[in-house]
Amino acid sequence: PDAADTRIPRYRERGRRSGRRMSDSKLALDLSGTWKHKKTTGETEQFFGDQGFSWVTRKLIGNLVLVSYTKTEVITMDAETYQCDEAGSPQDSSHKQTIKLKIGSGEEIQFIDANRKTVKLKADWNEKRDKLVFRTSNEEFPKVIYRYLLNENTMVEEQHCADEDGKPKAGSIIQHFEKVAAEGNN
């Protein structure tokens, strides 16, 4: 077989339930739109324990991150590019930044995390292509972050510390975002 026949497709689009091929203009996962932070859940004490915090600090911080805060994200994406314009964060309501990544390229960009530290970030698809998988580096406790749709109006960001092999640990911070506008209606 020639080389063109053995290449793995960069993006295989599938219908959500039927497994049938979708049109080239549709993604299996499309997070495009305007999203507002609704709530935070997760195994927060374990998440901070994975980072070496003391029991008292884990209790305090674990409860603080569950408090609602104002954050809006405007996302535009296609099979190869993800862009997120963020406004707000747990520590700073005036925080703004734009994150633009090439999905699956291995390219890392710098961004400011929730702790106001500059870290590196890259993005890829999971095997089923129904989740975006982000990985951080250049920090003491690298993270694995999943973004996916719970339903058409709820986006979830699930954040875990990574072990030495890059696999997610048990602790988590799970943020739920509510869709307030579709792309083009912002």
C-alpha atoms as a PDB file:
ATOM      1  CA  PRO A   1       0.000   0.000   0.000  1.00  0.00           C
ATOM      2  CA  ASP A   2       1.181   3.496  -0.693  1.00  0.00           C
ATOM      3  CA  ALA A   3       1.788   5.958   2.179  1.00  0.00           C
ATOM      4  CA  ALA A   4      -1.526   7.762   1.640  1.00  0.00           C
ATOM      5  CA  ASP A   5      -3.455   4.542   2.347  1.00  0.00           C
ATOM      6  CA  THR A   6      -1.772   3.903   5.714  1.00  0.00           C
ATOM      7  CA  ARG A   7      -2.181   7.350   7.264  1.00  0.00           C
ATOM      8  CA  ILE A   8      -4.509   7.699  10.234  1.00  0.00           C
ATOM      9  CA  PRO A   9      -7.128  10.386   9.562  1.00  0.00           C
ATOM     10  CA  ARG A  10      -6.465  13.566  11.570  1.00  0.00           C
ATOM     11  CA  TYR A  11     -10.132  13.925  12.439  1.00  0.00           C
ATOM     12  CA  ARG A  12     -12.864  11.345  12.109  1.00  0.00           C
ATOM     13  CA  GLU A  13     -16.297  12.891  12.485  1.00  0.00           C
ATOM     14  CA  ARG A  14     -19.094  10.714  13.822  1.00  0.00           C
ATOM     15  CA  GLY A  15     -22.719  11.117  14.751  1.00  0.00           C
ATOM     16  CA  ARG A  16     -23.305  11.267  18.513  1.00  0.00           C
ATOM     17  CA  ARG A  17     -25.496   8.190  18.894  1.00  0.00           C
ATOM     18  CA  SER A  18     -25.704   6.425  15.567  1.00  0.00           C
ATOM     19  CA  GLY A  19     -21.998   6.254  14.708  1.00  0.00           C
ATOM     20  CA  ARG A  20     -22.770   7.472  11.200  1.00  0.00           C
ATOM     21  CA  ARG A  21     -20.547   9.992   9.471  1.00  0.00           C
ATOM     22  CA  MET A  22     -21.503  13.630   9.944  1.00  0.00           C
ATOM     23  CA  SER A  23     -21.156  16.356   7.344  1.00  0.00           C
ATOM     24  CA  ASP A  24     -17.697  17.950   7.098  1.00  0.00           C
ATOM     25  CA  SER A  25     -19.028  21.142   8.699  1.00  0.00           C
ATOM     26  CA  LYS A  26     -20.084  19.421  11.967  1.00  0.00           C
ATOM     27  CA  LEU A  27     -17.903  18.279  14.841  1.00  0.00           C
ATOM     28  CA  ALA A  28     -18.563  15.350  17.160  1.00  0.00           C
ATOM     29  CA  LEU A  29     -17.845  17.905  19.916  1.00  0.00           C
ATOM     30  CA  ASP A  30     -18.400  21.597  19.301  1.00  0.00           C
ATOM     31  CA  LEU A  31     -18.014  23.863  22.327  1.00  0.00           C
ATOM     32  CA  SER A  32     -18.510  27.042  20.289  1.00  0.00           C
ATOM     33  CA  GLY A  33     -20.652  29.661  22.006  1.00  0.00           C
ATOM     34  CA  THR A  34     -20.753  31.879  25.075  1.00  0.00           C
ATOM     35  CA  TRP A  35     -20.571  30.062  28.409  1.00  0.00           C
ATOM     36  CA  LYS A  36     -21.087  31.366  31.949  1.00  0.00           C
ATOM     37  CA  HIS A  37     -19.674  29.629  35.036  1.00  0.00           C
ATOM     38  CA  LYS A  38     -22.554  28.078  36.989  1.00  0.00           C
ATOM     39  CA  LYS A  39     -21.009  25.946  39.762  1.00  0.00           C
ATOM     40  CA  THR A  40     -17.917  24.043  40.879  1.00  0.00           C
ATOM     41  CA  THR A  41     -17.932  20.509  42.312  1.00  0.00           C
ATOM     42  CA  GLY A  42     -15.478  17.634  42.591  1.00  0.00           C
ATOM     43  CA  GLU A  43     -13.082  15.888  44.927  1.00  0.00           C
ATOM     44  CA  THR A  44     -11.473  19.214  45.855  1.00  0.00           C
ATOM     45  CA  GLU A  45      -9.769  18.142  49.087  1.00  0.00           C
ATOM     46  CA  GLN A  46      -8.104  15.231  47.273  1.00  0.00           C
ATOM     47  CA  PHE A  47      -7.186  17.547  44.356  1.00  0.00           C
ATOM     48  CA  PHE A  48      -5.253  19.838  46.709  1.00  0.00           C
ATOM     49  CA  GLY A  49      -3.882  16.807  48.575  1.00  0.00           C
ATOM     50  CA  ASP A  50      -2.455  15.605  45.244  1.00  0.00           C
ATOM     51  CA  GLN A  51      -0.495  18.878  45.268  1.00  0.00           C
ATOM     52  CA  GLY A  52       0.912  18.323  48.766  1.00  0.00           C
ATOM     53  CA  PHE A  53      -1.236  20.774  50.747  1.00  0.00           C
ATOM     54  CA  SER A  54      -1.771  20.100  54.472  1.00  0.00           C
ATOM     55  CA  TRP A  55      -5.118  18.789  55.744  1.00  0.00           C
ATOM     56  CA  VAL A  56      -6.138  22.202  57.163  1.00  0.00           C
ATOM     57  CA  THR A  57      -5.245  24.004  53.934  1.00  0.00           C
ATOM     58  CA  ARG A  58      -7.065  21.367  51.845  1.00  0.00           C
ATOM     59  CA  LYS A  59     -10.221  21.877  53.936  1.00  0.00           C
ATOM     60  CA  LEU A  60     -10.053  25.669  53.605  1.00  0.00           C
ATOM     61  CA  ILE A  61      -9.150  25.868  49.911  1.00  0.00           C
ATOM     62  CA  GLY A  62     -11.408  22.919  49.032  1.00  0.00           C
ATOM     63  CA  ASN A  63     -14.424  24.817  50.353  1.00  0.00           C
ATOM     64  CA  LEU A  64     -13.372  28.166  48.855  1.00  0.00           C
ATOM     65  CA  VAL A  65     -13.227  26.853  45.276  1.00  0.00           C
ATOM     66  CA  LEU A  66     -16.821  25.653  45.602  1.00  0.00           C
ATOM     67  CA  VAL A  67     -18.016  29.263  46.048  1.00  0.00           C
ATOM     68  CA  SER A  68     -19.553  30.676  42.874  1.00  0.00           C
ATOM     69  CA  TYR A  69     -17.678  33.354  40.977  1.00  0.00           C
ATOM     70  CA  THR A  70     -18.167  35.282  37.750  1.00  0.00           C
ATOM     71  CA  LYS A  71     -16.457  33.855  34.684  1.00  0.00           C
ATOM     72  CA  THR A  72     -17.546  33.981  31.059  1.00  0.00           C
ATOM     73  CA  GLU A  73     -15.919  32.157  28.159  1.00  0.00           C
ATOM     74  CA  VAL A  74     -16.506  32.775  24.468  1.00  0.00           C
ATOM     75  CA  ILE A  75     -15.334  29.704  22.559  1.00  0.00           C
ATOM     76  CA  THR A  76     -14.871  29.263  18.819  1.00  0.00           C
ATOM     77  CA  MET A  77     -13.537  26.003  17.467  1.00  0.00           C
ATOM     78  CA  ASP A  78     -13.269  23.603  14.564  1.00  0.00           C
ATOM     79  CA  ALA A  79     -11.606  20.181  14.213  1.00  0.00           C
ATOM     80  CA  GLU A  80      -8.107  21.685  14.390  1.00  0.00           C
ATOM     81  CA  THR A  81      -8.372  24.977  16.324  1.00  0.00           C
ATOM     82  CA  TYR A  82      -9.706  25.954  19.744  1.00  0.00           C
ATOM     83  CA  GLN A  83      -9.985  29.576  20.896  1.00  0.00           C
ATOM     84  CA  CYS A  84     -11.335  30.719  24.257  1.00  0.00           C
ATOM     85  CA  ASP A  85     -11.737  34.355  25.312  1.00  0.00           C
ATOM     86  CA  GLU A  86     -11.968  34.288  29.121  1.00  0.00           C
ATOM     87  CA  ALA A  87     -13.308  37.035  31.374  1.00  0.00           C
ATOM     88  CA  GLY A  88     -13.145  36.572  35.161  1.00  0.00           C
ATOM     89  CA  SER A  89     -11.521  34.030  37.474  1.00  0.00           C
ATOM     90  CA  PRO A  90     -11.921  32.799  41.070  1.00  0.00           C
ATOM     91  CA  GLN A  91      -9.364  35.343  42.345  1.00  0.00           C
ATOM     92  CA  ASP A  92      -9.843  38.249  39.926  1.00  0.00           C
ATOM     93  CA  SER A  93     -13.153  39.303  38.349  1.00  0.00           C
ATOM     94  CA  SER A  94     -11.282  41.668  35.971  1.00  0.00           C
ATOM     95  CA  HIS A  95      -9.003  38.882  34.619  1.00  0.00           C
ATOM     96  CA  LYS A  96      -9.056  38.568  30.802  1.00  0.00           C
ATOM     97  CA  GLN A  97      -7.080  36.385  28.429  1.00  0.00           C
ATOM     98  CA  THR A  98      -7.359  34.629  25.083  1.00  0.00           C
ATOM     99  CA  ILE A  99      -6.227  31.040  24.655  1.00  0.00           C
ATOM    100  CA  LYS A 100      -5.750  29.800  21.082  1.00  0.00           C
ATOM    101  CA  LEU A 101      -4.504  26.277  20.424  1.00  0.00           C
ATOM    102  CA  LYS A 102      -4.007  23.951  17.481  1.00  0.00           C
ATOM    103  CA  ILE A 103      -5.712  20.721  18.556  1.00  0.00           C
ATOM    104  CA  GLY A 104      -3.524  17.630  18.208  1.00  0.00           C
ATOM    105  CA  SER A 105      -0.433  19.496  17.010  1.00  0.00           C
ATOM    106  CA  GLY A 106       1.558  19.036  20.224  1.00  0.00           C
ATOM    107  CA  GLU A 107       2.208  22.781  20.176  1.00  0.00           C
ATOM    108  CA  GLU A 108       2.211  24.387  23.621  1.00  0.00           C
ATOM    109  CA  ILE A 109       1.114  27.927  24.396  1.00  0.00           C
ATOM    110  CA  GLN A 110       1.584  29.945  27.561  1.00  0.00           C
ATOM    111  CA  PHE A 111      -1.399  31.020  29.629  1.00  0.00           C
ATOM    112  CA  ILE A 112      -2.184  32.303  33.121  1.00  0.00           C
ATOM    113  CA  ASP A 113      -3.777  29.627  35.334  1.00  0.00           C
ATOM    114  CA  ALA A 114      -6.239  30.082  38.227  1.00  0.00           C
ATOM    115  CA  ASN A 115      -3.292  30.594  40.603  1.00  0.00           C
ATOM    116  CA  ARG A 116      -2.061  33.493  38.432  1.00  0.00           C
ATOM    117  CA  LYS A 117       0.976  31.509  37.288  1.00  0.00           C
ATOM    118  CA  THR A 118       2.204  31.218  33.730  1.00  0.00           C
ATOM    119  CA  VAL A 119       2.095  27.601  32.572  1.00  0.00           C
ATOM    120  CA  LYS A 120       2.190  25.820  29.216  1.00  0.00           C
ATOM    121  CA  LEU A 121      -0.886  24.199  27.693  1.00  0.00           C
ATOM    122  CA  LYS A 122      -1.557  21.878  24.752  1.00  0.00           C
ATOM    123  CA  ALA A 123      -4.766  20.243  23.494  1.00  0.00           C
ATOM    124  CA  ASP A 124      -5.756  16.975  21.859  1.00  0.00           C
ATOM    125  CA  TRP A 125      -8.876  14.889  21.267  1.00  0.00           C
ATOM    126  CA  ASN A 126      -9.688  11.823  23.363  1.00  0.00           C
ATOM    127  CA  GLU A 127     -10.058   8.534  21.481  1.00  0.00           C
ATOM    128  CA  LYS A 128     -13.817   8.938  20.867  1.00  0.00           C
ATOM    129  CA  ARG A 129     -13.360  12.640  19.995  1.00  0.00           C
ATOM    130  CA  ASP A 130     -16.162  13.585  22.381  1.00  0.00           C
ATOM    131  CA  LYS A 131     -13.792  15.363  24.797  1.00  0.00           C
ATOM    132  CA  LEU A 132     -10.985  17.849  24.447  1.00  0.00           C
ATOM    133  CA  VAL A 133      -7.995  16.860  26.577  1.00  0.00           C
ATOM    134  CA  PHE A 134      -5.707  19.661  27.735  1.00  0.00           C
ATOM    135  CA  ARG A 135      -2.369  19.029  29.424  1.00  0.00           C
ATOM    136  CA  THR A 136      -0.305  21.568  31.328  1.00  0.00           C
ATOM    137  CA  SER A 137       3.446  21.561  31.780  1.00  0.00           C
ATOM    138  CA  ASN A 138       6.051  23.902  33.186  1.00  0.00           C
ATOM    139  CA  GLU A 139       4.499  23.684  36.651  1.00  0.00           C
ATOM    140  CA  GLU A 140       5.215  21.670  39.789  1.00  0.00           C
ATOM    141  CA  PHE A 141       1.971  19.676  39.552  1.00  0.00           C
ATOM    142  CA  PRO A 142       0.999  19.192  35.869  1.00  0.00           C
ATOM    143  CA  LYS A 143      -2.732  18.906  35.162  1.00  0.00           C
ATOM    144  CA  VAL A 144      -4.970  16.896  32.841  1.00  0.00           C
ATOM    145  CA  ILE A 145      -8.102  18.868  31.948  1.00  0.00           C
ATOM    146  CA  TYR A 146     -11.118  17.457  30.100  1.00  0.00           C
ATOM    147  CA  ARG A 147     -13.752  19.624  28.421  1.00  0.00           C
ATOM    148  CA  TYR A 148     -16.980  18.086  27.173  1.00  0.00           C
ATOM    149  CA  LEU A 149     -20.731  18.602  26.912  1.00  0.00           C
ATOM    150  CA  LEU A 150     -22.997  17.173  29.596  1.00  0.00           C
ATOM    151  CA  ASN A 151     -25.921  18.246  27.401  1.00  0.00           C
ATOM    152  CA  GLU A 152     -26.376  20.914  24.713  1.00  0.00           C
ATOM    153  CA  ASN A 153     -26.546  23.704  27.310  1.00  0.00           C
ATOM    154  CA  THR A 154     -23.973  22.481  29.869  1.00  0.00           C
ATOM    155  CA  MET A 155     -20.221  22.343  29.310  1.00  0.00           C
ATOM    156  CA  VAL A 156     -18.023  20.638  31.904  1.00  0.00           C
ATOM    157  CA  GLU A 157     -14.348  21.254  32.677  1.00  0.00           C
ATOM    158  CA  GLU A 158     -12.865  18.443  34.764  1.00  0.00           C
ATOM    159  CA  GLN A 159      -9.375  19.144  36.136  1.00  0.00           C
ATOM    160  CA  HIS A 160      -7.013  16.579  37.723  1.00  0.00           C
ATOM    161  CA  CYS A 161      -3.360  16.544  38.755  1.00  0.00           C
ATOM    162  CA  ALA A 162      -1.356  14.126  36.600  1.00  0.00           C
ATOM    163  CA  ASP A 163       0.830  11.297  37.866  1.00  0.00           C
ATOM    164  CA  GLU A 164       4.365  10.611  36.553  1.00  0.00           C
ATOM    165  CA  ASP A 165       2.891   8.826  33.509  1.00  0.00           C
ATOM    166  CA  GLY A 166       0.548  11.724  32.693  1.00  0.00           C
ATOM    167  CA  LYS A 167      -2.561   9.867  33.883  1.00  0.00           C
ATOM    168  CA  PRO A 168      -5.155  11.746  35.974  1.00  0.00           C
ATOM    169  CA  LYS A 169      -5.188  11.295  39.753  1.00  0.00           C
ATOM    170  CA  ALA A 170      -8.414  10.871  41.781  1.00  0.00           C
ATOM    171  CA  GLY A 171      -8.765  14.454  43.044  1.00  0.00           C
ATOM    172  CA  SER A 172     -10.748  16.830  40.842  1.00  0.00           C
ATOM    173  CA  ILE A 173     -12.173  20.268  40.366  1.00  0.00           C
ATOM    174  CA  ILE A 174     -15.221  20.116  38.102  1.00  0.00           C
ATOM    175  CA  GLN A 175     -16.624  23.352  36.727  1.00  0.00           C
ATOM    176  CA  HIS A 176     -20.039  23.529  35.089  1.00  0.00           C
ATOM    177  CA  PHE A 177     -20.758  26.227  32.514  1.00  0.00           C
ATOM    178  CA  GLU A 178     -24.177  27.199  31.171  1.00  0.00           C
ATOM    179  CA  LYS A 179     -24.563  28.206  27.530  1.00  0.00           C
ATOM    180  CA  VAL A 180     -25.880  31.752  27.257  1.00  0.00           C
ATOM    181  CA  ALA A 181     -25.478  32.220  23.496  1.00  0.00           C
ATOM    182  CA  ALA A 182     -24.606  30.146  20.461  1.00  0.00           C
ATOM    183  CA  GLU A 183     -21.676  31.126  18.258  1.00  0.00           C
ATOM    184  CA  GLY A 184     -22.591  34.134  16.163  1.00  0.00           C
ATOM    185  CA  ASN A 185     -25.206  35.298  18.716  1.00  0.00           C
ATOM    186  CA  ASN A 186     -22.711  36.717  21.224  1.00  0.00           C
END
